[in-house]
Amino acid sequence: MSELKKALRMRTLVSASAGIALASSDFPALIKAATQVGGWGIVFVVVCAGIVTGLVSLSFAELAGMYPTAAGVRVYTKKAFGDTTSLTITIFYVFFSIIIASAETYIFSAVLHALSPALSARLWVLIFLIVAIAMNILGIEIAGALQDILTYAMFVGIIGLSLYAILSAHFDIASVPFAPLGIGGFGTAIATTIFVYTGFEWTTPLAEEVASGKSVLPYSLPISVGLLTVTFALFAYATMGIVPLSQMVHSPIPHLIFGQSLAGRLGLYIMAGISFLATMTSFNAGVMGNSRLIYALAREGSFPKFMSMLHPKYFTPWIALLVIFSIIAVFSVTIAMHPKAFLVPILVAASIETLMYAIISFSVISLRYRERDTARIFRIKGGILIPLFTGVVFTLLTLGILASSSEYVAILFATGLVLSYLYSRYVVPGLGH
């Protein structure tokens, strides 16, 4: 039987993990958090969110080291909680996590409109998807090389422009009020900022394609979170010292406002280019991770077997990639036609991601007792203290998102969870029989 090709190294695992998290939709989320804490507070908030996310990345690292498989969360949760619960969670995670790509299209369509109202957002979204799918079908080396180039160029651009802004004569952070909403604003801001990290863990399904040692994938996860924290902190701080928050808080493209305020038309084009890279890397890395998880589920019989087919020449899951393309294309075009709905998929995806982070944390605790003797390449220090902390925190965050959002978010969340259970309970047993 054909196997996935082992070609990934540390630099690509970090670029994929950080690249999928850093999307164009992160910029308005950071500005929203900044309005709640102001001044130096935004740096504190980003660091706090980075620490909490970094702690949960340790749980993913321990599990990825124990079970280096394309099935990723499917295997982790199956070992911890049993087959039906695991399959329900994994199916829910796969298909509803895809919809975050559709929300990303709204932000990028706003970027295109700012450059030229004549540009077609839907056309460019489909072009992005086609490029990402084609690169992935042609081989993980090509998709990985593209990810490396685009991601590191994006980070250099954001960090460089942020430092230029902080060192410029126009920078003034002293006039920005500190903690305008009081201490309570910090809790809300941290919860908001955690959203910008979501997706970093989608490299775990790439475990079977790692070429440079089993320990590389576990260690790449906290490294990518650290890179994201530095980048987010610099950008948010730089933005607040250049542009009044009142000009950005209601805009889906605050990063373009920042670029234009800093360097005129040139700054606008630079930030538009960075936004292009953010959307492209998020799409490309998301396609890499999602397709491998779908391939693994089909390989075990939880999805139709044809989805586990590998390309005879490139050894890539080309059917799974086409499935991903079809789903994202439908959602993306729908959101592009109804842009006011873009917050719903963002919040649904955020609630699913935080729920998964809680489940992964509790999985580590469960397996510390169930599988004491299983080898662990990476082991969290301090017993179960850290996973217990992140499990509780992300459970509360999930409940907070659902309670504070519109009823559509909770309805979609509950509907997706129920349908995932029904599929795993009644459809999966009939596949292949």
Protein backbone atom coordinates (compact mmCIF):
# COMPACT_ATOMS: atom_id res chain seq x y z
CA MET A 1 0.00 0.00 0.00
CA SER A 2 1.30 3.49 -0.86
CA GLU A 3 2.35 5.77 1.96
CA LEU A 4 2.65 9.51 2.39
CA LYS A 5 6.09 10.83 1.42
CA LYS A 6 8.42 11.86 4.26
CA ALA A 7 9.77 15.27 3.29
CA LEU A 8 8.91 17.83 5.99
CA ARG A 9 11.49 19.51 8.24
CA MET A 10 11.36 21.88 11.18
CA ARG A 11 11.26 25.11 9.15
CA THR A 12 8.20 23.95 7.18
CA LEU A 13 6.38 22.63 10.25
CA VAL A 14 6.88 26.01 11.95
CA SER A 15 5.86 27.96 8.83
CA ALA A 16 2.74 25.82 8.40
CA SER A 17 1.74 26.05 12.07
CA ALA A 18 2.31 29.80 12.31
CA GLY A 19 1.02 30.45 8.79
CA ILE A 20 -2.40 28.91 9.31
CA ALA A 21 -2.86 30.88 12.54
CA LEU A 22 -1.77 34.24 11.14
CA ALA A 23 -4.60 35.13 8.77
CA SER A 24 -6.03 38.45 7.59
CA SER A 25 -8.93 38.05 10.03
CA ASP A 26 -6.46 38.32 12.94
CA PHE A 27 -5.87 42.04 12.41
CA PRO A 28 -9.40 43.25 13.28
CA ALA A 29 -9.43 40.82 16.23
CA LEU A 30 -6.25 42.39 17.61
CA ILE A 31 -7.68 45.90 17.25
CA LYS A 32 -10.87 44.83 19.03
CA ALA A 33 -8.75 43.57 21.93
CA ALA A 34 -6.74 46.78 21.91
CA THR A 35 -9.85 48.90 22.41
CA GLN A 36 -10.53 47.02 25.65
CA VAL A 37 -7.12 47.55 27.25
CA GLY A 38 -5.38 50.41 25.40
CA GLY A 39 -1.76 51.57 25.59
CA TRP A 40 0.78 49.10 26.90
CA GLY A 41 -2.10 46.85 27.90
CA ILE A 42 -2.27 45.26 24.45
CA VAL A 43 1.29 43.93 24.77
CA PHE A 44 0.39 42.38 28.14
CA VAL A 45 -2.77 40.84 26.65
CA VAL A 46 -0.97 39.33 23.65
CA VAL A 47 1.72 37.86 25.90
CA CYS A 48 -0.91 36.39 28.26
CA ALA A 49 -2.84 34.87 25.34
CA GLY A 50 0.43 33.54 23.93
CA ILE A 51 1.33 31.92 27.25
CA VAL A 52 -2.06 30.19 27.56
CA THR A 53 -1.88 29.02 23.93
CA GLY A 54 1.73 27.98 24.44
CA LEU A 55 0.68 25.86 27.41
CA VAL A 56 -1.99 24.04 25.39
CA SER A 57 0.55 23.55 22.58
CA LEU A 58 2.50 21.44 25.09
CA SER A 59 -0.46 19.05 25.30
CA PHE A 60 -0.54 18.73 21.49
CA ALA A 61 3.24 18.22 21.56
CA GLU A 62 3.05 15.38 24.09
CA LEU A 63 0.29 13.61 22.17
CA ALA A 64 1.94 14.12 18.77
CA GLY A 65 5.11 12.58 20.19
CA MET A 66 3.19 9.58 21.52
CA TYR A 67 1.21 8.99 18.31
CA PRO A 68 2.91 10.43 15.18
CA THR A 69 0.04 9.77 12.77
CA ALA A 70 -1.97 11.58 10.10
CA ALA A 71 -5.06 10.75 12.15
CA GLY A 72 -3.90 13.25 14.77
CA VAL A 73 -6.72 14.23 17.12
CA ARG A 74 -8.69 11.14 16.09
CA VAL A 75 -6.09 8.85 17.66
CA TYR A 76 -5.43 11.09 20.68
CA THR A 77 -9.09 11.27 21.67
CA LYS A 78 -9.85 7.64 20.80
CA LYS A 79 -7.14 6.46 23.15
CA ALA A 80 -8.42 8.80 25.85
CA PHE A 81 -12.22 8.64 25.56
CA GLY A 82 -13.24 5.75 23.30
CA ASP A 83 -14.28 5.36 19.67
CA THR A 84 -17.71 7.01 19.37
CA THR A 85 -16.84 10.08 21.42
CA SER A 86 -13.58 10.47 19.53
CA LEU A 87 -15.14 10.13 16.09
CA THR A 88 -17.90 12.61 16.93
CA ILE A 89 -15.35 15.16 18.09
CA THR A 90 -13.05 14.62 15.12
CA ILE A 91 -15.75 14.89 12.45
CA PHE A 92 -17.08 18.01 14.13
CA TYR A 93 -13.55 19.40 14.21
CA VAL A 94 -12.80 18.64 10.56
CA PHE A 95 -15.82 20.06 8.77
CA PHE A 96 -16.67 22.99 10.95
CA SER A 97 -13.04 24.10 11.20
CA ILE A 98 -13.05 24.41 7.41
CA ILE A 99 -15.55 27.25 7.58
CA ILE A 100 -12.97 29.60 9.08
CA ALA A 101 -11.53 29.82 5.56
CA SER A 102 -14.82 31.26 4.37
CA ALA A 103 -14.67 34.03 6.96
CA GLU A 104 -11.14 34.80 5.84
CA THR A 105 -12.48 35.54 2.37
CA TYR A 106 -14.58 38.43 3.68
CA ILE A 107 -11.55 40.18 5.16
CA PHE A 108 -9.55 39.73 1.99
CA SER A 109 -12.46 40.89 -0.16
CA ALA A 110 -12.45 44.10 1.89
CA VAL A 111 -8.72 44.43 1.19
CA LEU A 112 -9.30 44.05 -2.54
CA HIS A 113 -12.13 46.57 -2.45
CA ALA A 114 -9.85 49.08 -0.72
CA LEU A 115 -7.33 48.70 -3.54
CA SER A 116 -9.86 48.69 -6.37
CA PRO A 117 -13.65 48.19 -6.26
CA ALA A 118 -13.39 46.54 -9.67
CA LEU A 119 -11.46 43.52 -8.32
CA SER A 120 -13.59 40.41 -7.88
CA ALA A 121 -13.22 38.95 -4.38
CA ARG A 122 -14.92 35.68 -5.30
CA LEU A 123 -12.63 35.17 -8.28
CA TRP A 124 -9.49 35.75 -6.23
CA VAL A 125 -10.69 33.45 -3.46
CA LEU A 126 -11.16 30.64 -5.99
CA ILE A 127 -7.72 31.39 -7.47
CA PHE A 128 -6.16 31.09 -4.00
CA LEU A 129 -7.89 27.77 -3.43
CA ILE A 130 -6.90 26.39 -6.83
CA VAL A 131 -3.24 27.34 -6.29
CA ALA A 132 -3.22 25.80 -2.80
CA ILE A 133 -4.87 22.58 -3.98
CA ALA A 134 -2.63 22.27 -7.06
CA MET A 135 0.56 22.77 -5.02
CA ASN A 136 -0.57 20.17 -2.49
CA ILE A 137 -1.46 17.61 -5.16
CA LEU A 138 1.94 18.07 -6.86
CA GLY A 139 3.73 17.09 -3.67
CA ILE A 140 4.29 18.02 -0.05
CA GLU A 141 7.74 19.39 -0.97
CA ILE A 142 6.21 21.95 -3.33
CA ALA A 143 3.42 22.89 -0.92
CA GLY A 144 5.95 23.07 1.92
CA ALA A 145 8.39 25.21 -0.06
CA LEU A 146 5.58 27.59 -1.01
CA GLN A 147 4.55 27.75 2.65
CA ASP A 148 8.11 28.54 3.75
CA ILE A 149 8.58 31.37 1.25
CA LEU A 150 5.19 33.01 1.83
CA THR A 151 5.10 32.63 5.63
CA TYR A 152 8.58 33.89 6.40
CA ALA A 153 8.18 36.77 3.92
CA MET A 154 4.95 37.70 5.71
CA PHE A 155 6.56 37.64 9.16
CA VAL A 156 9.54 39.70 7.98
CA GLY A 157 7.14 42.24 6.48
CA ILE A 158 4.95 42.57 9.58
CA ILE A 159 7.83 42.72 12.06
CA GLY A 160 9.85 45.09 9.86
CA LEU A 161 6.96 47.48 9.29
CA SER A 162 6.03 47.38 12.99
CA LEU A 163 9.57 48.25 14.09
CA TYR A 164 9.72 51.04 11.50
CA ALA A 165 6.48 52.47 12.91
CA ILE A 166 7.67 52.26 16.54
CA LEU A 167 10.94 54.03 15.68
CA SER A 168 9.28 56.69 13.49
CA ALA A 169 8.68 60.29 14.53
CA HIS A 170 4.91 59.82 14.19
CA PHE A 171 4.73 57.13 16.88
CA ASP A 172 2.87 58.24 20.03
CA ILE A 173 1.57 55.65 22.48
CA ALA A 174 1.42 57.99 25.48
CA SER A 175 -1.84 59.56 24.35
CA VAL A 176 -3.64 56.20 24.16
CA PRO A 177 -5.69 55.62 27.36
CA PHE A 178 -4.60 52.67 29.45
CA ALA A 179 -7.29 50.17 30.53
CA PRO A 180 -10.33 52.28 29.48
CA LEU A 181 -12.72 49.51 30.56
CA GLY A 182 -10.95 48.75 33.83
CA ILE A 183 -9.50 45.42 34.91
CA GLY A 184 -12.52 43.54 33.53
CA GLY A 185 -11.52 44.55 30.03
CA PHE A 186 -8.35 42.49 30.27
CA GLY A 187 -10.21 39.18 30.63
CA THR A 188 -12.36 39.89 27.57
CA ALA A 189 -9.34 41.09 25.61
CA ILE A 190 -7.33 37.96 26.40
CA ALA A 191 -10.24 35.76 25.29
CA THR A 192 -10.49 37.78 22.06
CA THR A 193 -6.76 37.55 21.42
CA ILE A 194 -6.62 33.78 21.89
CA PHE A 195 -8.70 33.57 18.70
CA VAL A 196 -5.75 34.83 16.63
CA TYR A 197 -3.72 31.75 17.58
CA THR A 198 -6.33 29.20 16.59
CA GLY A 199 -5.27 26.71 13.96
CA PHE A 200 -1.60 26.40 14.98
CA GLU A 201 -2.18 22.72 15.83
CA TRP A 202 -3.30 21.72 12.32
CA THR A 203 0.22 20.51 11.53
CA THR A 204 -0.24 17.42 13.73
CA PRO A 205 -1.86 15.47 10.82
CA LEU A 206 1.42 15.97 8.91
CA ALA A 207 3.25 13.66 11.35
CA GLU A 208 3.64 10.82 8.82
CA GLU A 209 5.44 13.15 6.40
CA VAL A 210 8.13 14.39 8.80
CA ALA A 211 11.62 13.55 7.51
CA SER A 212 13.92 14.82 10.24
CA GLY A 213 13.08 12.85 13.38
CA LYS A 214 10.03 12.13 15.50
CA SER A 215 10.78 14.93 17.97
CA VAL A 216 10.63 17.68 15.34
CA LEU A 217 6.83 18.03 15.17
CA PRO A 218 6.23 18.27 18.95
CA TYR A 219 8.88 20.99 19.36
CA SER A 220 7.70 22.95 16.32
CA LEU A 221 4.34 23.73 17.98
CA PRO A 222 5.53 25.88 20.92
CA ILE A 223 8.13 27.50 18.64
CA SER A 224 5.40 28.66 16.24
CA VAL A 225 3.31 30.03 19.13
CA GLY A 226 6.34 32.01 20.31
CA LEU A 227 6.87 33.47 16.82
CA LEU A 228 3.20 34.45 16.63
CA THR A 229 3.32 36.12 20.05
CA VAL A 230 6.27 38.35 19.12
CA THR A 231 4.65 39.30 15.81
CA PHE A 232 1.19 40.02 17.23
CA ALA A 233 2.59 42.08 20.12
CA LEU A 234 4.74 44.24 17.85
CA PHE A 235 1.98 44.82 15.30
CA ALA A 236 -0.72 45.70 17.85
CA TYR A 237 1.59 48.03 19.75
CA ALA A 238 2.85 49.73 16.57
CA THR A 239 -0.66 50.20 15.22
CA MET A 240 -1.93 51.88 18.38
CA GLY A 241 0.89 54.41 18.30
CA ILE A 242 0.23 55.42 14.70
CA VAL A 243 -3.56 55.39 14.19
CA PRO A 244 -6.32 56.45 16.62
CA LEU A 245 -8.35 53.43 17.67
CA SER A 246 -11.57 55.21 16.73
CA GLN A 247 -10.52 55.05 13.07
CA MET A 248 -9.91 51.29 13.11
CA VAL A 249 -12.30 49.67 15.56
CA HIS A 250 -15.22 49.30 13.14
CA SER A 251 -13.16 48.45 10.06
CA PRO A 252 -12.44 44.92 8.77
CA ILE A 253 -9.12 46.20 7.37
CA PRO A 254 -7.35 48.09 10.19
CA HIS A 255 -4.00 46.83 8.90
CA LEU A 256 -4.53 48.75 5.65
CA ILE A 257 -5.46 51.89 7.58
CA PHE A 258 -2.25 51.47 9.58
CA GLY A 259 -0.13 51.03 6.46
CA GLN A 260 -1.61 54.07 4.73
CA SER A 261 -1.27 56.25 7.85
CA LEU A 262 2.36 55.20 8.23
CA ALA A 263 3.62 55.46 4.65
CA GLY A 264 0.82 56.69 2.40
CA ARG A 265 -0.04 54.74 -0.73
CA LEU A 266 3.17 52.69 -0.45
CA GLY A 267 2.22 51.58 3.06
CA LEU A 268 -1.25 50.66 1.82
CA TYR A 269 0.21 48.42 -0.88
CA ILE A 270 2.71 46.84 1.52
CA MET A 271 -0.02 45.91 4.00
CA ALA A 272 -2.24 44.66 1.16
CA GLY A 273 0.63 42.43 0.10
CA ILE A 274 1.04 41.16 3.67
CA SER A 275 -2.70 40.48 3.81
CA PHE A 276 -2.39 38.52 0.56
CA LEU A 277 0.39 36.43 2.11
CA ALA A 278 -1.63 35.91 5.30
CA THR A 279 -4.65 34.63 3.39
CA MET A 280 -2.57 32.46 1.08
CA THR A 281 -0.52 30.84 3.87
CA SER A 282 -3.63 30.25 5.95
CA PHE A 283 -5.37 28.56 3.01
CA ASN A 284 -2.31 26.52 2.04
CA ALA A 285 -1.48 25.27 5.53
CA GLY A 286 -5.13 24.59 6.29
CA VAL A 287 -5.44 22.51 3.15
CA MET A 288 -2.31 20.53 4.06
CA GLY A 289 -3.53 19.64 7.55
CA ASN A 290 -7.22 19.10 6.80
CA SER A 291 -6.62 16.88 3.79
CA ARG A 292 -4.33 14.58 5.78
CA LEU A 293 -6.88 14.18 8.54
CA ILE A 294 -9.64 13.37 6.05
CA TYR A 295 -7.27 10.91 4.35
CA ALA A 296 -6.57 9.21 7.69
CA LEU A 297 -10.27 8.98 8.57
CA ALA A 298 -11.00 7.42 5.19
CA ARG A 299 -8.08 5.03 5.62
CA GLU A 300 -9.57 3.73 8.87
CA GLY A 301 -13.05 3.45 7.35
CA SER A 302 -14.75 6.43 9.01
CA PHE A 303 -15.11 8.21 5.66
CA PRO A 304 -15.67 6.55 2.25
CA LYS A 305 -12.57 4.59 1.24
CA PHE A 306 -12.07 6.48 -2.03
CA MET A 307 -11.01 9.53 -0.01
CA SER A 308 -7.90 7.64 1.13
CA MET A 309 -6.53 7.30 -2.41
CA LEU A 310 -3.00 8.63 -2.91
CA HIS A 311 -1.75 10.07 -6.17
CA PRO A 312 0.32 7.35 -7.90
CA LYS A 313 3.12 9.77 -8.80
CA TYR A 314 3.18 12.40 -6.03
CA PHE A 315 1.94 10.26 -3.08
CA THR A 316 -0.48 12.97 -1.96
CA PRO A 317 -4.13 12.49 -0.85
CA TRP A 318 -5.55 14.06 -3.99
CA ILE A 319 -9.16 12.97 -3.46
CA ALA A 320 -9.19 14.41 0.06
CA LEU A 321 -7.71 17.62 -1.35
CA LEU A 322 -10.50 17.91 -3.91
CA VAL A 323 -13.08 17.34 -1.17
CA ILE A 324 -11.50 20.17 0.85
CA PHE A 325 -11.55 22.43 -2.21
CA SER A 326 -15.25 21.78 -2.87
CA ILE A 327 -16.34 22.49 0.72
CA ILE A 328 -14.27 25.64 1.16
CA ALA A 329 -15.27 26.96 -2.28
CA VAL A 330 -18.98 26.66 -1.47
CA PHE A 331 -18.64 28.37 1.92
CA SER A 332 -16.28 31.05 0.58
CA VAL A 333 -18.49 32.09 -2.31
CA THR A 334 -21.51 32.12 0.02
CA ILE A 335 -19.81 34.45 2.51
CA ALA A 336 -18.49 36.66 -0.30
CA MET A 337 -22.11 37.09 -1.43
CA HIS A 338 -23.32 37.80 2.11
CA PRO A 339 -20.41 39.61 3.81
CA LYS A 340 -22.37 40.71 6.87
CA ALA A 341 -22.49 37.06 7.95
CA PHE A 342 -18.71 36.73 8.26
CA LEU A 343 -18.71 36.93 12.08
CA VAL A 344 -20.84 33.78 12.44
CA PRO A 345 -18.31 31.32 10.94
CA ILE A 346 -15.49 33.05 12.84
CA LEU A 347 -17.26 32.56 16.16
CA VAL A 348 -18.40 29.02 15.36
CA ALA A 349 -14.85 28.05 14.40
CA ALA A 350 -13.45 29.78 17.50
CA SER A 351 -15.84 27.89 19.78
CA ILE A 352 -14.92 24.56 18.15
CA GLU A 353 -11.21 25.28 18.42
CA THR A 354 -11.39 26.23 22.10
CA LEU A 355 -13.49 23.13 22.79
CA MET A 356 -10.85 21.00 21.05
CA TYR A 357 -8.09 22.63 23.11
CA ALA A 358 -9.97 21.70 26.29
CA ILE A 359 -10.50 18.12 25.06
CA ILE A 360 -6.84 17.73 24.10
CA SER A 361 -5.80 18.95 27.56
CA PHE A 362 -8.08 16.42 29.24
CA SER A 363 -6.80 13.74 26.82
CA VAL A 364 -3.29 14.22 28.19
CA ILE A 365 -4.62 13.79 31.74
CA SER A 366 -6.57 10.66 30.79
CA LEU A 367 -3.59 9.05 29.04
CA ARG A 368 -1.26 9.78 31.93
CA TYR A 369 -3.32 7.16 33.78
CA ARG A 370 -4.50 4.90 30.93
CA GLU A 371 -1.16 4.55 29.19
CA ARG A 372 1.51 5.21 31.79
CA ASP A 373 4.10 3.08 29.99
CA THR A 374 3.66 4.45 26.46
CA ALA A 375 6.84 6.16 25.27
CA ARG A 376 6.69 9.96 25.24
CA ILE A 377 9.18 11.86 23.10
CA PHE A 378 7.95 15.07 24.70
CA ARG A 379 6.51 15.14 28.22
CA ILE A 380 4.92 18.11 30.01
CA LYS A 381 6.65 18.82 33.31
CA GLY A 382 4.70 19.15 36.56
CA GLY A 383 2.36 16.19 36.23
CA ILE A 384 -1.20 17.06 35.22
CA LEU A 385 -1.14 20.65 36.52
CA ILE A 386 -0.64 22.39 33.15
CA PRO A 387 -3.15 20.32 31.12
CA LEU A 388 -5.69 20.65 33.96
CA PHE A 389 -5.27 24.44 33.91
CA THR A 390 -5.64 24.72 30.11
CA GLY A 391 -8.55 22.26 30.11
CA VAL A 392 -10.53 24.40 32.54
CA VAL A 393 -9.57 27.69 30.86
CA PHE A 394 -10.59 26.60 27.37
CA THR A 395 -13.80 25.00 28.60
CA LEU A 396 -14.79 28.34 30.13
CA LEU A 397 -13.77 30.16 26.94
CA THR A 398 -15.98 27.87 24.84
CA LEU A 399 -18.96 28.52 27.09
CA GLY A 400 -18.20 32.24 27.07
CA ILE A 401 -18.13 32.43 23.27
CA LEU A 402 -21.42 30.56 22.94
CA ALA A 403 -23.11 32.61 25.67
CA SER A 404 -22.00 36.01 24.39
CA SER A 405 -22.56 35.43 20.65
CA SER A 406 -25.71 35.52 18.56
CA GLU A 407 -28.07 32.57 18.75
CA TYR A 408 -26.97 31.48 15.26
CA VAL A 409 -23.52 30.59 16.59
CA ALA A 410 -24.94 28.34 19.33
CA ILE A 411 -27.47 26.81 16.90
CA LEU A 412 -24.77 25.95 14.34
CA PHE A 413 -22.48 24.64 17.07
CA ALA A 414 -25.18 22.38 18.54
CA THR A 415 -26.42 21.25 15.12
CA GLY A 416 -22.94 20.35 13.97
CA LEU A 417 -22.21 18.40 17.14
CA VAL A 418 -25.47 16.43 16.91
CA LEU A 419 -24.99 15.65 13.20
CA SER A 420 -21.43 14.54 13.87
CA TYR A 421 -22.66 12.17 16.57
CA LEU A 422 -25.41 10.76 14.33
CA TYR A 423 -22.92 10.21 11.52
CA SER A 424 -20.42 8.43 13.76
CA ARG A 425 -23.11 6.37 15.48
CA TYR A 426 -25.23 5.28 12.51
CA VAL A 427 -23.41 5.98 9.22
CA VAL A 428 -19.85 4.88 9.95
CA PRO A 429 -20.78 1.30 10.96
CA GLY A 430 -22.30 0.79 7.50
CA LEU A 431 -19.30 2.02 5.52
CA GLY A 432 -17.42 -0.73 3.76
CA HIS A 433 -19.99 -3.40 4.65
